[in-house]
Amino acid sequence: MANTILQTRKLRLVFLEGTNEKGNPIYAFKTYNTKASSTEDQLYKAANALASLQSLPLERVEQNDVHFIVE
């Protein structure tokens, strides 16, 4: 039976940079490598701490994981 092994975890902050001429949002992104063992709560706290250093408003926080599939 196949299993997955978490290889890497990244934290991506999405900031609202403004709107275009059609009124659609324009986003700016910042991506940080994190420990694969980081919990969602730890990532969320780190994201808010990092966002407080930015001039743009934080729109959302994303977690991107890479898993290996092994037998």
N, C-alpha and C. Protein backbone atom coordinates (compact mmCIF):
# COMPACT_ATOMS: atom_id res chain seq x y z
N MET A 1 0.84 -1.18 0.00
CA MET A 1 0.00 0.00 0.00
C MET A 1 0.89 1.25 0.00
N ALA A 2 0.51 2.24 -0.77
CA ALA A 2 1.29 3.48 -0.89
C ALA A 2 1.05 4.39 0.31
N ASN A 3 2.08 5.12 0.69
CA ASN A 3 2.02 6.11 1.76
C ASN A 3 2.65 7.40 1.28
N THR A 4 2.39 8.46 2.00
CA THR A 4 3.03 9.74 1.67
C THR A 4 3.95 10.17 2.79
N ILE A 5 5.02 10.85 2.41
CA ILE A 5 5.98 11.42 3.35
C ILE A 5 6.08 12.90 3.04
N LEU A 6 5.81 13.72 4.04
CA LEU A 6 5.90 15.17 3.86
C LEU A 6 7.36 15.56 3.67
N GLN A 7 7.67 16.17 2.54
CA GLN A 7 9.04 16.56 2.23
C GLN A 7 9.31 18.02 2.59
N THR A 8 8.48 18.94 2.09
CA THR A 8 8.67 20.37 2.38
C THR A 8 7.33 21.03 2.63
N ARG A 9 7.38 22.12 3.35
CA ARG A 9 6.18 22.92 3.62
C ARG A 9 6.56 24.39 3.43
N LYS A 10 5.74 25.10 2.68
CA LYS A 10 5.98 26.53 2.44
C LYS A 10 4.79 27.33 2.91
N LEU A 11 5.08 28.52 3.36
CA LEU A 11 4.08 29.48 3.80
C LEU A 11 4.01 30.58 2.76
N ARG A 12 2.81 30.84 2.25
CA ARG A 12 2.65 31.86 1.21
C ARG A 12 1.66 32.91 1.72
N LEU A 13 2.12 34.15 1.76
CA LEU A 13 1.28 35.27 2.16
C LEU A 13 0.79 35.97 0.90
N VAL A 14 -0.50 36.23 0.85
CA VAL A 14 -1.11 36.88 -0.30
C VAL A 14 -1.59 38.26 0.16
N PHE A 15 -1.06 39.30 -0.47
CA PHE A 15 -1.39 40.67 -0.11
C PHE A 15 -2.21 41.32 -1.22
N LEU A 16 -3.15 42.15 -0.83
CA LEU A 16 -3.95 42.90 -1.80
C LEU A 16 -3.18 44.15 -2.17
N GLU A 17 -2.73 44.20 -3.43
CA GLU A 17 -1.91 45.32 -3.89
C GLU A 17 -2.76 46.46 -4.46
N GLY A 18 -3.96 46.14 -4.91
CA GLY A 18 -4.84 47.15 -5.49
C GLY A 18 -5.81 46.49 -6.45
N THR A 19 -6.34 47.29 -7.36
CA THR A 19 -7.25 46.77 -8.38
C THR A 19 -6.81 47.28 -9.75
N ASN A 20 -7.19 46.52 -10.78
CA ASN A 20 -6.87 46.94 -12.14
C ASN A 20 -8.00 47.82 -12.68
N GLU A 21 -7.90 48.20 -13.94
CA GLU A 21 -8.88 49.11 -14.54
C GLU A 21 -10.29 48.52 -14.59
N LYS A 22 -10.39 47.19 -14.52
CA LYS A 22 -11.70 46.53 -14.52
C LYS A 22 -12.24 46.28 -13.11
N GLY A 23 -11.48 46.68 -12.12
CA GLY A 23 -11.90 46.51 -10.74
C GLY A 23 -11.52 45.16 -10.14
N ASN A 24 -10.76 44.35 -10.88
CA ASN A 24 -10.32 43.06 -10.36
C ASN A 24 -9.12 43.24 -9.44
N PRO A 25 -9.02 42.43 -8.39
CA PRO A 25 -7.91 42.59 -7.46
C PRO A 25 -6.56 42.21 -8.06
N ILE A 26 -5.54 42.92 -7.62
CA ILE A 26 -4.15 42.61 -7.97
C ILE A 26 -3.47 42.16 -6.69
N TYR A 27 -2.82 41.02 -6.75
CA TYR A 27 -2.20 40.44 -5.55
C TYR A 27 -0.68 40.46 -5.65
N ALA A 28 -0.05 40.57 -4.49
CA ALA A 28 1.40 40.42 -4.35
C ALA A 28 1.61 39.22 -3.43
N PHE A 29 2.68 38.48 -3.66
CA PHE A 29 2.92 37.25 -2.93
C PHE A 29 4.30 37.26 -2.28
N LYS A 30 4.38 36.67 -1.10
CA LYS A 30 5.65 36.41 -0.42
C LYS A 30 5.61 34.95 0.01
N THR A 31 6.67 34.19 -0.32
CA THR A 31 6.72 32.77 0.02
C THR A 31 7.93 32.52 0.90
N TYR A 32 7.71 31.73 1.96
CA TYR A 32 8.76 31.42 2.92
C TYR A 32 8.86 29.90 3.09
N ASN A 33 10.08 29.38 3.13
CA ASN A 33 10.29 27.98 3.47
C ASN A 33 10.12 27.83 4.97
N THR A 34 9.49 26.75 5.39
CA THR A 34 9.28 26.50 6.81
C THR A 34 9.70 25.06 7.11
N LYS A 35 9.73 24.74 8.38
CA LYS A 35 9.98 23.36 8.78
C LYS A 35 8.78 22.52 8.41
N ALA A 36 9.03 21.33 7.92
CA ALA A 36 7.93 20.43 7.56
C ALA A 36 7.09 20.06 8.78
N SER A 37 7.67 20.17 9.95
CA SER A 37 6.95 19.81 11.18
C SER A 37 6.10 20.96 11.74
N SER A 38 6.13 22.12 11.10
CA SER A 38 5.35 23.26 11.58
C SER A 38 3.85 22.97 11.52
N THR A 39 3.15 23.35 12.58
CA THR A 39 1.70 23.16 12.61
C THR A 39 1.00 24.32 11.92
N GLU A 40 -0.27 24.15 11.61
CA GLU A 40 -1.04 25.22 10.99
C GLU A 40 -1.13 26.43 11.91
N ASP A 41 -1.26 26.19 13.21
CA ASP A 41 -1.32 27.29 14.16
C ASP A 41 -0.01 28.08 14.18
N GLN A 42 1.11 27.40 14.15
CA GLN A 42 2.40 28.07 14.12
C GLN A 42 2.57 28.87 12.83
N LEU A 43 2.16 28.29 11.71
CA LEU A 43 2.26 29.00 10.44
C LEU A 43 1.39 30.24 10.43
N TYR A 44 0.19 30.13 10.97
CA TYR A 44 -0.73 31.26 10.99
C TYR A 44 -0.18 32.40 11.85
N LYS A 45 0.37 32.06 13.00
CA LYS A 45 0.97 33.07 13.87
C LYS A 45 2.17 33.74 13.19
N ALA A 46 3.00 32.94 12.54
CA ALA A 46 4.16 33.49 11.83
C ALA A 46 3.71 34.39 10.69
N ALA A 47 2.66 33.97 9.97
CA ALA A 47 2.15 34.76 8.86
C ALA A 47 1.67 36.12 9.32
N ASN A 48 0.95 36.16 10.42
CA ASN A 48 0.46 37.44 10.94
C ASN A 48 1.59 38.32 11.44
N ALA A 49 2.61 37.71 12.03
CA ALA A 49 3.77 38.49 12.47
C ALA A 49 4.50 39.08 11.27
N LEU A 50 4.70 38.28 10.23
CA LEU A 50 5.36 38.77 9.02
C LEU A 50 4.51 39.82 8.30
N ALA A 51 3.21 39.62 8.27
CA ALA A 51 2.31 40.56 7.60
C ALA A 51 2.31 41.92 8.28
N SER A 52 2.52 41.94 9.59
CA SER A 52 2.53 43.21 10.31
C SER A 52 3.71 44.09 9.90
N LEU A 53 4.72 43.49 9.27
CA LEU A 53 5.89 44.24 8.80
C LEU A 53 5.70 44.79 7.39
N GLN A 54 4.60 44.43 6.74
CA GLN A 54 4.34 44.83 5.36
C GLN A 54 3.43 46.05 5.32
N SER A 55 3.49 46.78 4.23
CA SER A 55 2.61 47.94 4.07
C SER A 55 1.29 47.58 3.41
N LEU A 56 1.23 46.43 2.73
CA LEU A 56 0.00 46.00 2.06
C LEU A 56 -0.86 45.16 3.01
N PRO A 57 -2.18 45.20 2.83
CA PRO A 57 -3.05 44.39 3.70
C PRO A 57 -2.98 42.90 3.32
N LEU A 58 -2.99 42.05 4.34
CA LEU A 58 -2.95 40.61 4.14
C LEU A 58 -4.33 40.13 3.70
N GLU A 59 -4.40 39.48 2.55
CA GLU A 59 -5.66 38.95 2.01
C GLU A 59 -5.92 37.54 2.51
N ARG A 60 -4.87 36.69 2.45
CA ARG A 60 -5.02 35.31 2.91
C ARG A 60 -3.65 34.68 3.14
N VAL A 61 -3.68 33.54 3.84
CA VAL A 61 -2.47 32.77 4.13
C VAL A 61 -2.65 31.39 3.49
N GLU A 62 -1.62 30.94 2.77
CA GLU A 62 -1.67 29.63 2.12
C GLU A 62 -0.53 28.75 2.62
N GLN A 63 -0.82 27.46 2.69
CA GLN A 63 0.19 26.47 3.05
C GLN A 63 0.37 25.54 1.85
N ASN A 64 1.59 25.41 1.37
CA ASN A 64 1.87 24.54 0.23
C ASN A 64 2.82 23.43 0.67
N ASP A 65 2.34 22.19 0.58
CA ASP A 65 3.11 21.03 0.99
C ASP A 65 3.51 20.21 -0.23
N VAL A 66 4.70 19.61 -0.14
CA VAL A 66 5.15 18.65 -1.15
C VAL A 66 5.33 17.32 -0.44
N HIS A 67 4.66 16.29 -0.97
CA HIS A 67 4.75 14.95 -0.39
C HIS A 67 5.38 14.00 -1.40
N PHE A 68 6.14 13.07 -0.90
CA PHE A 68 6.61 11.94 -1.71
C PHE A 68 5.63 10.81 -1.52
N ILE A 69 5.32 10.13 -2.59
CA ILE A 69 4.48 8.93 -2.50
C ILE A 69 5.40 7.73 -2.61
N VAL A 70 5.37 6.89 -1.60
CA VAL A 70 6.25 5.71 -1.54
C VAL A 70 5.41 4.47 -1.27
N GLU A 71 6.02 3.36 -1.57
CA GLU A 71 5.36 2.09 -1.32
C GLU A 71 5.71 1.55 0.03
